[in-house]
Amino acid sequence: MSLAARLSFAFTADGRAAQDRADMSVTYVGRINRKQAEADARRRFEEWRSLANPLARRWASNQIVVS
């Protein structure tokens, strides 16, 4: 099922889902399948966490995906 919506997923640095203060977040805008977006957000988080450069992590900490 696709939704014309906005979904957000946020994570703390240790990989837990975050409500308030997040170290990394992914926002999806457009027609979105929630399960696919959730899996993609987790994959993006793992990629973000593996970045060795702190500056690169800072710049990639808030991602927006338009579909």
N, C-alpha and C. Protein backbone atom coordinates (compact mmCIF):
# COMPACT_ATOMS: atom_id res chain seq x y z
N MET A 1 0.84 -1.18 0.00
CA MET A 1 0.00 0.00 0.00
C MET A 1 0.88 1.24 0.00
N SER A 2 0.63 2.15 -0.89
CA SER A 2 1.38 3.40 -0.97
C SER A 2 0.55 4.54 -0.42
N LEU A 3 1.22 5.45 0.21
CA LEU A 3 0.56 6.61 0.78
C LEU A 3 1.17 7.87 0.21
N ALA A 4 0.36 8.86 -0.07
CA ALA A 4 0.88 10.17 -0.41
C ALA A 4 1.05 10.86 0.94
N ALA A 5 2.24 10.75 1.49
CA ALA A 5 2.41 11.18 2.87
C ALA A 5 3.85 11.59 3.13
N ARG A 6 4.09 11.79 4.40
CA ARG A 6 5.42 12.10 4.90
C ARG A 6 5.69 11.18 6.08
N LEU A 7 6.75 10.40 5.98
CA LEU A 7 7.14 9.49 7.06
C LEU A 7 8.54 9.88 7.53
N SER A 8 8.76 9.79 8.83
CA SER A 8 10.08 10.09 9.38
C SER A 8 10.52 8.96 10.30
N PHE A 9 11.80 8.65 10.20
CA PHE A 9 12.42 7.66 11.07
C PHE A 9 13.66 8.31 11.67
N ALA A 10 13.86 8.14 12.96
CA ALA A 10 15.00 8.76 13.64
C ALA A 10 15.69 7.71 14.51
N PHE A 11 17.00 7.84 14.62
CA PHE A 11 17.81 6.87 15.36
C PHE A 11 18.81 7.56 16.27
N THR A 12 19.10 6.94 17.39
CA THR A 12 20.22 7.38 18.22
C THR A 12 21.47 6.71 17.66
N ALA A 13 22.64 7.14 18.08
CA ALA A 13 23.90 6.62 17.55
C ALA A 13 24.05 5.12 17.78
N ASP A 14 23.41 4.59 18.81
CA ASP A 14 23.52 3.14 19.07
C ASP A 14 22.46 2.31 18.34
N GLY A 15 21.66 2.94 17.48
CA GLY A 15 20.73 2.21 16.64
C GLY A 15 19.30 2.12 17.14
N ARG A 16 19.01 2.71 18.29
CA ARG A 16 17.64 2.66 18.80
C ARG A 16 16.78 3.73 18.11
N ALA A 17 15.50 3.43 17.98
CA ALA A 17 14.57 4.42 17.44
C ALA A 17 14.47 5.58 18.42
N ALA A 18 14.42 6.79 17.90
CA ALA A 18 14.39 7.98 18.74
C ALA A 18 13.09 8.74 18.56
N GLN A 19 12.61 9.31 19.63
CA GLN A 19 11.40 10.14 19.57
C GLN A 19 11.76 11.62 19.58
N ASP A 20 12.60 12.02 20.52
CA ASP A 20 12.92 13.44 20.70
C ASP A 20 14.26 13.80 20.05
N ARG A 21 15.32 13.40 20.69
CA ARG A 21 16.67 13.76 20.25
C ARG A 21 17.27 12.62 19.45
N ALA A 22 17.53 12.86 18.17
CA ALA A 22 18.08 11.83 17.30
C ALA A 22 19.44 12.26 16.76
N ASP A 23 20.30 11.28 16.55
CA ASP A 23 21.59 11.55 15.94
C ASP A 23 21.51 11.50 14.43
N MET A 24 20.53 10.74 13.92
CA MET A 24 20.37 10.59 12.48
C MET A 24 18.89 10.43 12.17
N SER A 25 18.41 11.10 11.12
CA SER A 25 17.00 10.96 10.76
C SER A 25 16.85 10.87 9.24
N VAL A 26 15.80 10.18 8.83
CA VAL A 26 15.46 10.04 7.41
C VAL A 26 13.98 10.39 7.28
N THR A 27 13.66 11.28 6.35
CA THR A 27 12.28 11.69 6.09
C THR A 27 11.94 11.34 4.65
N TYR A 28 10.80 10.69 4.47
CA TYR A 28 10.31 10.30 3.14
C TYR A 28 9.11 11.16 2.80
N VAL A 29 9.11 11.73 1.59
CA VAL A 29 8.01 12.58 1.13
C VAL A 29 7.54 12.03 -0.21
N GLY A 30 6.25 11.83 -0.34
CA GLY A 30 5.69 11.35 -1.60
C GLY A 30 4.89 10.07 -1.40
N ARG A 31 4.79 9.28 -2.46
CA ARG A 31 4.07 8.01 -2.39
C ARG A 31 5.02 6.97 -1.81
N ILE A 32 4.67 6.47 -0.63
CA ILE A 32 5.61 5.67 0.16
C ILE A 32 4.94 4.39 0.64
N ASN A 33 5.67 3.30 0.54
CA ASN A 33 5.28 2.06 1.18
C ASN A 33 5.99 2.04 2.53
N ARG A 34 5.24 2.00 3.61
CA ARG A 34 5.82 2.14 4.94
C ARG A 34 6.87 1.07 5.25
N LYS A 35 6.61 -0.17 4.92
CA LYS A 35 7.57 -1.25 5.22
C LYS A 35 8.87 -1.05 4.44
N GLN A 36 8.76 -0.68 3.16
CA GLN A 36 9.96 -0.44 2.37
C GLN A 36 10.72 0.77 2.88
N ALA A 37 10.00 1.82 3.27
CA ALA A 37 10.65 3.01 3.81
C ALA A 37 11.38 2.70 5.11
N GLU A 38 10.76 1.89 5.96
CA GLU A 38 11.39 1.53 7.22
C GLU A 38 12.67 0.73 6.98
N ALA A 39 12.64 -0.22 6.06
CA ALA A 39 13.83 -1.01 5.73
C ALA A 39 14.92 -0.12 5.12
N ASP A 40 14.51 0.78 4.25
CA ASP A 40 15.47 1.70 3.63
C ASP A 40 16.09 2.63 4.67
N ALA A 41 15.29 3.11 5.60
CA ALA A 41 15.81 3.99 6.66
C ALA A 41 16.84 3.25 7.51
N ARG A 42 16.58 2.00 7.83
CA ARG A 42 17.53 1.20 8.62
C ARG A 42 18.83 1.01 7.84
N ARG A 43 18.72 0.74 6.52
CA ARG A 43 19.91 0.58 5.69
C ARG A 43 20.70 1.89 5.64
N ARG A 44 20.00 3.01 5.47
CA ARG A 44 20.68 4.31 5.45
C ARG A 44 21.36 4.60 6.78
N PHE A 45 20.71 4.22 7.89
CA PHE A 45 21.32 4.42 9.19
C PHE A 45 22.61 3.61 9.31
N GLU A 46 22.59 2.35 8.90
CA GLU A 46 23.79 1.51 8.98
C GLU A 46 24.92 2.10 8.14
N GLU A 47 24.60 2.61 6.96
CA GLU A 47 25.61 3.27 6.13
C GLU A 47 26.15 4.52 6.82
N TRP A 48 25.25 5.30 7.42
CA TRP A 48 25.66 6.52 8.13
C TRP A 48 26.57 6.18 9.30
N ARG A 49 26.20 5.15 10.04
CA ARG A 49 26.98 4.77 11.22
C ARG A 49 28.37 4.28 10.84
N SER A 50 28.52 3.72 9.64
CA SER A 50 29.83 3.20 9.22
C SER A 50 30.76 4.29 8.68
N LEU A 51 30.26 5.52 8.51
CA LEU A 51 31.13 6.60 8.05
C LEU A 51 32.18 6.90 9.12
N ALA A 52 33.44 6.93 8.70
CA ALA A 52 34.52 7.16 9.66
C ALA A 52 34.74 8.65 9.95
N ASN A 53 34.45 9.49 9.00
CA ASN A 53 34.70 10.92 9.13
C ASN A 53 33.55 11.59 9.88
N PRO A 54 33.83 12.21 11.04
CA PRO A 54 32.77 12.87 11.81
C PRO A 54 32.07 13.99 11.05
N LEU A 55 32.80 14.70 10.20
CA LEU A 55 32.19 15.77 9.42
C LEU A 55 31.21 15.20 8.39
N ALA A 56 31.57 14.11 7.76
CA ALA A 56 30.67 13.45 6.81
C ALA A 56 29.41 12.95 7.54
N ARG A 57 29.59 12.43 8.74
CA ARG A 57 28.43 11.97 9.52
C ARG A 57 27.51 13.14 9.86
N ARG A 58 28.10 14.26 10.20
CA ARG A 58 27.29 15.44 10.53
C ARG A 58 26.47 15.89 9.33
N TRP A 59 27.10 15.96 8.16
CA TRP A 59 26.40 16.42 6.95
C TRP A 59 25.34 15.43 6.49
N ALA A 60 25.51 14.16 6.79
CA ALA A 60 24.56 13.12 6.35
C ALA A 60 23.54 12.75 7.43
N SER A 61 23.52 13.48 8.52
CA SER A 61 22.67 13.08 9.65
C SER A 61 21.18 13.32 9.43
N ASN A 62 20.81 14.22 8.54
CA ASN A 62 19.40 14.48 8.23
C ASN A 62 19.19 14.28 6.74
N GLN A 63 18.52 13.20 6.39
CA GLN A 63 18.32 12.87 4.98
C GLN A 63 16.85 12.99 4.62
N ILE A 64 16.59 13.51 3.41
CA ILE A 64 15.22 13.62 2.90
C ILE A 64 15.17 12.86 1.58
N VAL A 65 14.19 11.97 1.47
CA VAL A 65 14.01 11.16 0.27
C VAL A 65 12.67 11.55 -0.34
N VAL A 66 12.71 12.01 -1.58
CA VAL A 66 11.48 12.40 -2.28
C VAL A 66 11.20 11.33 -3.34
N SER A 67 9.99 10.79 -3.29
CA SER A 67 9.65 9.77 -4.28
C SER A 67 8.37 10.11 -5.00
